[in-house]
Structures are given as C-alpha cells and as structure tokens.
C-alpha cells in the first residue's frame, strides 16, 4: 500500500462512521462506505488540504472508488 492510499484511507475513515480502515480499494466511496453528499465536499476539502493540491472538479466527480482517488492524486502530486 502506498502512502497516498494510506493517507486517503485515514481521511475517509475519519469522515465516515464505522468504516473499517481495511476497506477494499474497489469500494464505492459514497454507496458502499456511506459518505453522503455533504461529506463528499468535506472529503474534497480535506484531500486538498492534506495533499496541498487543487483537485479539478470534473475529475474529482468522476472518482467513485478509493482506487480512482489514488490514481488522480498520484497524477497530481508525483
């Protein structure tokens, strides 16, 4: 597991309720993990703060799974 994935997992677990830290990379962040639309905005801001990046809205909106977020952030920060 790379540090981007680990950091994203920590952010998602902190925002959700009862999300296990070892959830699947393919888990749908909103449907499977229960991150609601208001939390999605908090997730966006938290990711931008933690990684010191500005996520393009269209690309962020296309991210449904942890793996999608990892790929997007890998592209932006590395």
PDB file of N, CA and C in Angstrom:
ATOM      1  N   UNK A   1       0.861  -1.178   0.000  1.00  0.00           N
ATOM      2  CA  UNK A   1       0.000   0.000   0.000  1.00  0.00           C
ATOM      3  C   UNK A   1       0.903   1.236   0.000  1.00  0.00           C
ATOM      4  N   UNK A   2       0.623   2.174  -0.906  1.00  0.00           N
ATOM      5  CA  UNK A   2       1.458   3.371  -0.969  1.00  0.00           C
ATOM      6  C   UNK A   2       0.946   4.426   0.005  1.00  0.00           C
ATOM      7  N   UNK A   3       1.773   5.442   0.231  1.00  0.00           N
ATOM      8  CA  UNK A   3       1.402   6.440   1.236  1.00  0.00           C
ATOM      9  C   UNK A   3       0.174   7.260   0.818  1.00  0.00           C
ATOM     10  N   UNK A   4      -0.036   7.464  -0.472  1.00  0.00           N
ATOM     11  CA  UNK A   4      -1.237   8.175  -0.919  1.00  0.00           C
ATOM     12  C   UNK A   4      -2.470   7.381  -0.515  1.00  0.00           C
ATOM     13  N   UNK A   5      -2.446   6.091  -0.770  1.00  0.00           N
ATOM     14  CA  UNK A   5      -3.580   5.253  -0.405  1.00  0.00           C
ATOM     15  C   UNK A   5      -3.796   5.255   1.108  1.00  0.00           C
ATOM     16  N   UNK A   6      -2.725   5.121   1.867  1.00  0.00           N
ATOM     17  CA  UNK A   6      -2.837   5.116   3.329  1.00  0.00           C
ATOM     18  C   UNK A   6      -3.429   6.427   3.847  1.00  0.00           C
ATOM     19  N   UNK A   7      -2.956   7.531   3.311  1.00  0.00           N
ATOM     20  CA  UNK A   7      -3.456   8.836   3.748  1.00  0.00           C
ATOM     21  C   UNK A   7      -4.923   9.024   3.371  1.00  0.00           C
ATOM     22  N   UNK A   8      -5.300   8.594   2.165  1.00  0.00           N
ATOM     23  CA  UNK A   8      -6.697   8.691   1.745  1.00  0.00           C
ATOM     24  C   UNK A   8      -7.598   7.819   2.617  1.00  0.00           C
ATOM     25  N   UNK A   9      -7.145   6.618   2.925  1.00  0.00           N
ATOM     26  CA  UNK A   9      -7.919   5.741   3.800  1.00  0.00           C
ATOM     27  C   UNK A   9      -8.179   6.419   5.147  1.00  0.00           C
ATOM     28  N   UNK A  10      -7.144   7.018   5.698  1.00  0.00           N
ATOM     29  CA  UNK A  10      -7.281   7.685   7.003  1.00  0.00           C
ATOM     30  C   UNK A  10      -8.292   8.821   6.931  1.00  0.00           C
ATOM     31  N   UNK A  11      -8.263   9.588   5.859  1.00  0.00           N
ATOM     32  CA  UNK A  11      -9.204  10.703   5.688  1.00  0.00           C
ATOM     33  C   UNK A  11     -10.632  10.171   5.591  1.00  0.00           C
ATOM     34  N   UNK A  12     -10.841   9.145   4.780  1.00  0.00           N
ATOM     35  CA  UNK A  12     -12.179   8.586   4.573  1.00  0.00           C
ATOM     36  C   UNK A  12     -12.706   7.964   5.865  1.00  0.00           C
ATOM     37  N   UNK A  13     -11.866   7.224   6.564  1.00  0.00           N
ATOM     38  CA  UNK A  13     -12.284   6.598   7.824  1.00  0.00           C
ATOM     39  C   UNK A  13     -12.663   7.667   8.842  1.00  0.00           C
ATOM     40  N   UNK A  14     -11.907   8.760   8.887  1.00  0.00           N
ATOM     41  CA  UNK A  14     -12.196   9.840   9.836  1.00  0.00           C
ATOM     42  C   UNK A  14     -13.519  10.538   9.514  1.00  0.00           C
ATOM     43  N   UNK A  15     -13.862  10.643   8.242  1.00  0.00           N
ATOM     44  CA  UNK A  15     -15.100  11.326   7.841  1.00  0.00           C
ATOM     45  C   UNK A  15     -16.346  10.452   7.987  1.00  0.00           C
ATOM     46  N   UNK A  16     -16.177   9.165   7.824  1.00  0.00           N
ATOM     47  CA  UNK A  16     -17.327   8.263   7.867  1.00  0.00           C
ATOM     48  C   UNK A  16     -17.565   7.726   9.271  1.00  0.00           C
ATOM     49  N   UNK A  17     -18.636   6.990   9.383  1.00  0.00           N
ATOM     50  CA  UNK A  17     -18.962   6.368  10.660  1.00  0.00           C
ATOM     51  C   UNK A  17     -18.882   4.858  10.521  1.00  0.00           C
ATOM     52  N   UNK A  18     -18.009   4.243  11.301  1.00  0.00           N
ATOM     53  CA  UNK A  18     -17.902   2.796  11.298  1.00  0.00           C
ATOM     54  C   UNK A  18     -17.244   2.202  10.071  1.00  0.00           C
ATOM     55  N   UNK A  19     -16.470   2.999   9.340  1.00  0.00           N
ATOM     56  CA  UNK A  19     -15.785   2.482   8.157  1.00  0.00           C
ATOM     57  C   UNK A  19     -14.507   1.780   8.617  1.00  0.00           C
ATOM     58  N   UNK A  20     -14.337   0.509   8.268  1.00  0.00           N
ATOM     59  CA  UNK A  20     -13.115  -0.193   8.662  1.00  0.00           C
ATOM     60  C   UNK A  20     -11.929   0.327   7.854  1.00  0.00           C
ATOM     61  N   UNK A  21     -10.766   0.467   8.472  1.00  0.00           N
ATOM     62  CA  UNK A  21      -9.610   1.015   7.756  1.00  0.00           C
ATOM     63  C   UNK A  21      -9.090   0.134   6.624  1.00  0.00           C
ATOM     64  N   UNK A  22      -9.493  -1.132   6.601  1.00  0.00           N
ATOM     65  CA  UNK A  22      -9.004  -2.042   5.568  1.00  0.00           C
ATOM     66  C   UNK A  22     -10.038  -2.294   4.469  1.00  0.00           C
ATOM     67  N   UNK A  23     -10.931  -1.297   4.230  1.00  0.00           N
ATOM     68  CA  UNK A  23     -11.945  -1.480   3.185  1.00  0.00           C
ATOM     69  C   UNK A  23     -11.274  -1.665   1.826  1.00  0.00           C
ATOM     70  N   UNK A  24     -11.996  -2.316   0.936  1.00  0.00           N
ATOM     71  CA  UNK A  24     -11.471  -2.667  -0.392  1.00  0.00           C
ATOM     72  C   UNK A  24     -11.135  -1.427  -1.222  1.00  0.00           C
ATOM     73  N   UNK A  25     -10.097  -1.539  -2.020  1.00  0.00           N
ATOM     74  CA  UNK A  25      -9.698  -0.468  -2.939  1.00  0.00           C
ATOM     75  C   UNK A  25     -10.807  -0.188  -3.945  1.00  0.00           C
ATOM     76  N   UNK A  26     -11.633  -1.188  -4.218  1.00  0.00           N
ATOM     77  CA  UNK A  26     -12.717  -1.060  -5.191  1.00  0.00           C
ATOM     78  C   UNK A  26     -14.045  -0.635  -4.547  1.00  0.00           C
ATOM     79  N   UNK A  27     -14.039  -0.390  -3.237  1.00  0.00           N
ATOM     80  CA  UNK A  27     -15.274   0.024  -2.565  1.00  0.00           C
ATOM     81  C   UNK A  27     -15.720   1.378  -3.098  1.00  0.00           C
ATOM     82  N   UNK A  28     -17.010   1.485  -3.383  1.00  0.00           N
ATOM     83  CA  UNK A  28     -17.577   2.751  -3.837  1.00  0.00           C
ATOM     84  C   UNK A  28     -17.633   3.678  -2.628  1.00  0.00           C
ATOM     85  N   UNK A  29     -16.921   4.782  -2.710  1.00  0.00           N
ATOM     86  CA  UNK A  29     -16.770   5.676  -1.564  1.00  0.00           C
ATOM     87  C   UNK A  29     -18.117   6.155  -1.039  1.00  0.00           C
ATOM     88  N   UNK A  30     -19.039   6.433  -1.911  1.00  0.00           N
ATOM     89  CA  UNK A  30     -20.315   7.005  -1.480  1.00  0.00           C
ATOM     90  C   UNK A  30     -21.360   5.925  -1.201  1.00  0.00           C
ATOM     91  N   UNK A  31     -21.506   4.970  -2.085  1.00  0.00           N
ATOM     92  CA  UNK A  31     -22.539   3.943  -1.922  1.00  0.00           C
ATOM     93  C   UNK A  31     -22.136   2.903  -0.878  1.00  0.00           C
ATOM     94  N   UNK A  32     -20.940   2.335  -0.992  1.00  0.00           N
ATOM     95  CA  UNK A  32     -20.520   1.251  -0.100  1.00  0.00           C
ATOM     96  C   UNK A  32     -20.069   1.737   1.267  1.00  0.00           C
ATOM     97  N   UNK A  33     -19.425   2.893   1.292  1.00  0.00           N
ATOM     98  CA  UNK A  33     -18.867   3.379   2.558  1.00  0.00           C
ATOM     99  C   UNK A  33     -19.753   4.401   3.251  1.00  0.00           C
ATOM    100  N   UNK A  34     -20.796   4.834   2.575  1.00  0.00           N
ATOM    101  CA  UNK A  34     -21.763   5.714   3.213  1.00  0.00           C
ATOM    102  C   UNK A  34     -21.351   7.166   3.341  1.00  0.00           C
ATOM    103  N   UNK A  35     -20.393   7.615   2.548  1.00  0.00           N
ATOM    104  CA  UNK A  35     -20.032   9.031   2.546  1.00  0.00           C
ATOM    105  C   UNK A  35     -21.143   9.767   1.793  1.00  0.00           C
ATOM    106  N   UNK A  36     -21.891  10.587   2.500  1.00  0.00           N
ATOM    107  CA  UNK A  36     -23.016  11.314   1.903  1.00  0.00           C
ATOM    108  C   UNK A  36     -22.516  12.535   1.136  1.00  0.00           C
ATOM    109  N   UNK A  37     -23.418  13.165   0.392  1.00  0.00           N
ATOM    110  CA  UNK A  37     -23.033  14.284  -0.473  1.00  0.00           C
ATOM    111  C   UNK A  37     -22.384  15.433   0.301  1.00  0.00           C
ATOM    112  N   UNK A  38     -22.886  15.730   1.495  1.00  0.00           N
ATOM    113  CA  UNK A  38     -22.259  16.806   2.278  1.00  0.00           C
ATOM    114  C   UNK A  38     -20.859  16.402   2.722  1.00  0.00           C
ATOM    115  N   UNK A  39     -20.685  15.138   3.018  1.00  0.00           N
ATOM    116  CA  UNK A  39     -19.361  14.634   3.400  1.00  0.00           C
ATOM    117  C   UNK A  39     -18.423  14.600   2.201  1.00  0.00           C
ATOM    118  N   UNK A  40     -18.985  14.461   0.992  1.00  0.00           N
ATOM    119  CA  UNK A  40     -18.155  14.452  -0.214  1.00  0.00           C
ATOM    120  C   UNK A  40     -17.434  15.783  -0.372  1.00  0.00           C
ATOM    121  N   UNK A  41     -18.099  16.849  -0.006  1.00  0.00           N
ATOM    122  CA  UNK A  41     -17.474  18.175  -0.070  1.00  0.00           C
ATOM    123  C   UNK A  41     -16.380  18.276   0.990  1.00  0.00           C
ATOM    124  N   UNK A  42     -16.680  17.784   2.191  1.00  0.00           N
ATOM    125  CA  UNK A  42     -15.664  17.770   3.243  1.00  0.00           C
ATOM    126  C   UNK A  42     -14.467  16.923   2.819  1.00  0.00           C
ATOM    127  N   UNK A  43     -14.752  15.795   2.170  1.00  0.00           N
ATOM    128  CA  UNK A  43     -13.687  14.926   1.676  1.00  0.00           C
ATOM    129  C   UNK A  43     -12.815  15.677   0.678  1.00  0.00           C
ATOM    130  N   UNK A  44     -13.436  16.377  -0.240  1.00  0.00           N
ATOM    131  CA  UNK A  44     -12.688  17.161  -1.223  1.00  0.00           C
ATOM    132  C   UNK A  44     -11.769  18.156  -0.540  1.00  0.00           C
ATOM    133  N   UNK A  45     -12.307  18.931   0.391  1.00  0.00           N
ATOM    134  CA  UNK A  45     -11.500  19.949   1.076  1.00  0.00           C
ATOM    135  C   UNK A  45     -10.384  19.321   1.905  1.00  0.00           C
ATOM    136  N   UNK A  46     -10.682  18.224   2.556  1.00  0.00           N
ATOM    137  CA  UNK A  46      -9.673  17.553   3.383  1.00  0.00           C
ATOM    138  C   UNK A  46      -8.542  17.002   2.523  1.00  0.00           C
ATOM    139  N   UNK A  47      -8.884  16.418   1.387  1.00  0.00           N
ATOM    140  CA  UNK A  47      -7.854  15.908   0.470  1.00  0.00           C
ATOM    141  C   UNK A  47      -6.991  17.056  -0.022  1.00  0.00           C
ATOM    142  N   UNK A  48      -7.625  18.146  -0.423  1.00  0.00           N
ATOM    143  CA  UNK A  48      -6.857  19.295  -0.919  1.00  0.00           C
ATOM    144  C   UNK A  48      -5.940  19.847   0.165  1.00  0.00           C
ATOM    145  N   UNK A  49      -6.422  19.919   1.394  1.00  0.00           N
ATOM    146  CA  UNK A  49      -5.585  20.411   2.498  1.00  0.00           C
ATOM    147  C   UNK A  49      -4.426  19.464   2.795  1.00  0.00           C
ATOM    148  N   UNK A  50      -4.735  18.189   2.920  1.00  0.00           N
ATOM    149  CA  UNK A  50      -3.724  17.198   3.296  1.00  0.00           C
ATOM    150  C   UNK A  50      -2.635  17.029   2.229  1.00  0.00           C
ATOM    151  N   UNK A  51      -3.040  17.104   0.972  1.00  0.00           N
ATOM    152  CA  UNK A  51      -2.092  16.872  -0.121  1.00  0.00           C
ATOM    153  C   UNK A  51      -1.592  18.162  -0.767  1.00  0.00           C
ATOM    154  N   UNK A  52      -2.141  19.282  -0.312  1.00  0.00           N
ATOM    155  CA  UNK A  52      -1.749  20.604  -0.833  1.00  0.00           C
ATOM    156  C   UNK A  52      -1.867  20.675  -2.355  1.00  0.00           C
ATOM    157  N   UNK A  53      -3.045  20.264  -2.845  1.00  0.00           N
ATOM    158  CA  UNK A  53      -3.354  20.307  -4.275  1.00  0.00           C
ATOM    159  C   UNK A  53      -4.753  20.872  -4.457  1.00  0.00           C
ATOM    160  N   UNK A  54      -5.030  21.298  -5.665  1.00  0.00           N
ATOM    161  CA  UNK A  54      -6.390  21.687  -6.042  1.00  0.00           C
ATOM    162  C   UNK A  54      -6.901  20.601  -6.979  1.00  0.00           C
ATOM    163  N   UNK A  55      -7.912  19.874  -6.535  1.00  0.00           N
ATOM    164  CA  UNK A  55      -8.461  18.811  -7.371  1.00  0.00           C
ATOM    165  C   UNK A  55      -9.414  19.393  -8.401  1.00  0.00           C
ATOM    166  N   UNK A  56      -9.214  19.062  -9.665  1.00  0.00           N
ATOM    167  CA  UNK A  56     -10.158  19.510 -10.695  1.00  0.00           C
ATOM    168  C   UNK A  56     -11.544  18.924 -10.408  1.00  0.00           C
ATOM    169  N   UNK A  57     -12.564  19.775 -10.366  1.00  0.00           N
ATOM    170  CA  UNK A  57     -13.916  19.340 -10.005  1.00  0.00           C
ATOM    171  C   UNK A  57     -14.417  18.186 -10.865  1.00  0.00           C
ATOM    172  N   UNK A  58     -14.236  18.273 -12.168  1.00  0.00           N
ATOM    173  CA  UNK A  58     -14.752  17.218 -13.048  1.00  0.00           C
ATOM    174  C   UNK A  58     -14.067  15.885 -12.784  1.00  0.00           C
ATOM    175  N   UNK A  59     -12.766  15.924 -12.561  1.00  0.00           N
ATOM    176  CA  UNK A  59     -12.043  14.678 -12.300  1.00  0.00           C
ATOM    177  C   UNK A  59     -12.406  14.116 -10.933  1.00  0.00           C
ATOM    178  N   UNK A  60     -12.562  14.990  -9.932  1.00  0.00           N
ATOM    179  CA  UNK A  60     -12.965  14.528  -8.600  1.00  0.00           C
ATOM    180  C   UNK A  60     -14.356  13.898  -8.658  1.00  0.00           C
ATOM    181  N   UNK A  61     -15.259  14.516  -9.393  1.00  0.00           N
ATOM    182  CA  UNK A  61     -16.623  13.991  -9.503  1.00  0.00           C
ATOM    183  C   UNK A  61     -16.673  12.624 -10.174  1.00  0.00           C
ATOM    184  N   UNK A  62     -15.678  12.327 -10.999  1.00  0.00           N
ATOM    185  CA  UNK A  62     -15.621  11.020 -11.660  1.00  0.00           C
ATOM    186  C   UNK A  62     -15.054   9.929 -10.759  1.00  0.00           C
ATOM    187  N   UNK A  63     -14.470  10.310  -9.638  1.00  0.00           N
ATOM    188  CA  UNK A  63     -13.881   9.346  -8.711  1.00  0.00           C
ATOM    189  C   UNK A  63     -14.975   8.719  -7.851  1.00  0.00           C
ATOM    190  N   UNK A  64     -15.157   7.434  -8.011  1.00  0.00           N
ATOM    191  CA  UNK A  64     -16.168   6.722  -7.235  1.00  0.00           C
ATOM    192  C   UNK A  64     -15.549   5.764  -6.228  1.00  0.00           C
ATOM    193  N   UNK A  65     -14.340   5.315  -6.495  1.00  0.00           N
ATOM    194  CA  UNK A  65     -13.678   4.312  -5.672  1.00  0.00           C
ATOM    195  C   UNK A  65     -12.376   4.872  -5.114  1.00  0.00           C
ATOM    196  N   UNK A  66     -11.902   4.265  -4.044  1.00  0.00           N
ATOM    197  CA  UNK A  66     -10.619   4.673  -3.481  1.00  0.00           C
ATOM    198  C   UNK A  66      -9.532   4.618  -4.542  1.00  0.00           C
ATOM    199  N   UNK A  67      -9.551   3.592  -5.357  1.00  0.00           N
ATOM    200  CA  UNK A  67      -8.551   3.456  -6.418  1.00  0.00           C
ATOM    201  C   UNK A  67      -8.566   4.626  -7.395  1.00  0.00           C
ATOM    202  N   UNK A  68      -9.747   5.157  -7.683  1.00  0.00           N
ATOM    203  CA  UNK A  68      -9.856   6.327  -8.562  1.00  0.00           C
ATOM    204  C   UNK A  68      -9.189   7.543  -7.927  1.00  0.00           C
ATOM    205  N   UNK A  69      -9.428   7.722  -6.621  1.00  0.00           N
ATOM    206  CA  UNK A  69      -8.818   8.858  -5.920  1.00  0.00           C
ATOM    207  C   UNK A  69      -7.305   8.705  -5.842  1.00  0.00           C
ATOM    208  N   UNK A  70      -6.844   7.485  -5.607  1.00  0.00           N
ATOM    209  CA  UNK A  70      -5.398   7.239  -5.567  1.00  0.00           C
ATOM    210  C   UNK A  70      -4.774   7.583  -6.918  1.00  0.00           C
ATOM    211  N   UNK A  71      -5.398   7.150  -8.005  1.00  0.00           N
ATOM    212  CA  UNK A  71      -4.865   7.425  -9.356  1.00  0.00           C
ATOM    213  C   UNK A  71      -4.840   8.922  -9.633  1.00  0.00           C
ATOM    214  N   UNK A  72      -5.903   9.633  -9.275  1.00  0.00           N
ATOM    215  CA  UNK A  72      -5.953  11.068  -9.508  1.00  0.00           C
ATOM    216  C   UNK A  72      -4.869  11.787  -8.709  1.00  0.00           C
ATOM    217  N   UNK A  73      -4.745  11.454  -7.444  1.00  0.00           N
ATOM    218  CA  UNK A  73      -3.738  12.123  -6.622  1.00  0.00           C
ATOM    219  C   UNK A  73      -2.327  11.757  -7.039  1.00  0.00           C
ATOM    220  N   UNK A  74      -2.117  10.541  -7.450  1.00  0.00           N
ATOM    221  CA  UNK A  74      -0.790  10.119  -7.925  1.00  0.00           C
ATOM    222  C   UNK A  74      -0.389  10.979  -9.121  1.00  0.00           C
ATOM    223  N   UNK A  75      -1.350  11.211 -10.000  1.00  0.00           N
ATOM    224  CA  UNK A  75      -1.091  12.036 -11.187  1.00  0.00           C
ATOM    225  C   UNK A  75      -0.765  13.480 -10.789  1.00  0.00           C
ATOM    226  N   UNK A  76      -1.413  13.992  -9.749  1.00  0.00           N
ATOM    227  CA  UNK A  76      -1.243  15.395  -9.373  1.00  0.00           C
ATOM    228  C   UNK A  76      -0.033  15.684  -8.483  1.00  0.00           C
ATOM    229  N   UNK A  77       0.342  14.720  -7.654  1.00  0.00           N
ATOM    230  CA  UNK A  77       1.403  15.006  -6.686  1.00  0.00           C
ATOM    231  C   UNK A  77       2.749  14.373  -7.019  1.00  0.00           C
ATOM    232  N   UNK A  78       2.784  13.456  -7.949  1.00  0.00           N
ATOM    233  CA  UNK A  78       4.073  12.822  -8.257  1.00  0.00           C
ATOM    234  C   UNK A  78       4.600  13.246  -9.590  1.00  0.00           C
TER     235      UNK A  78
END
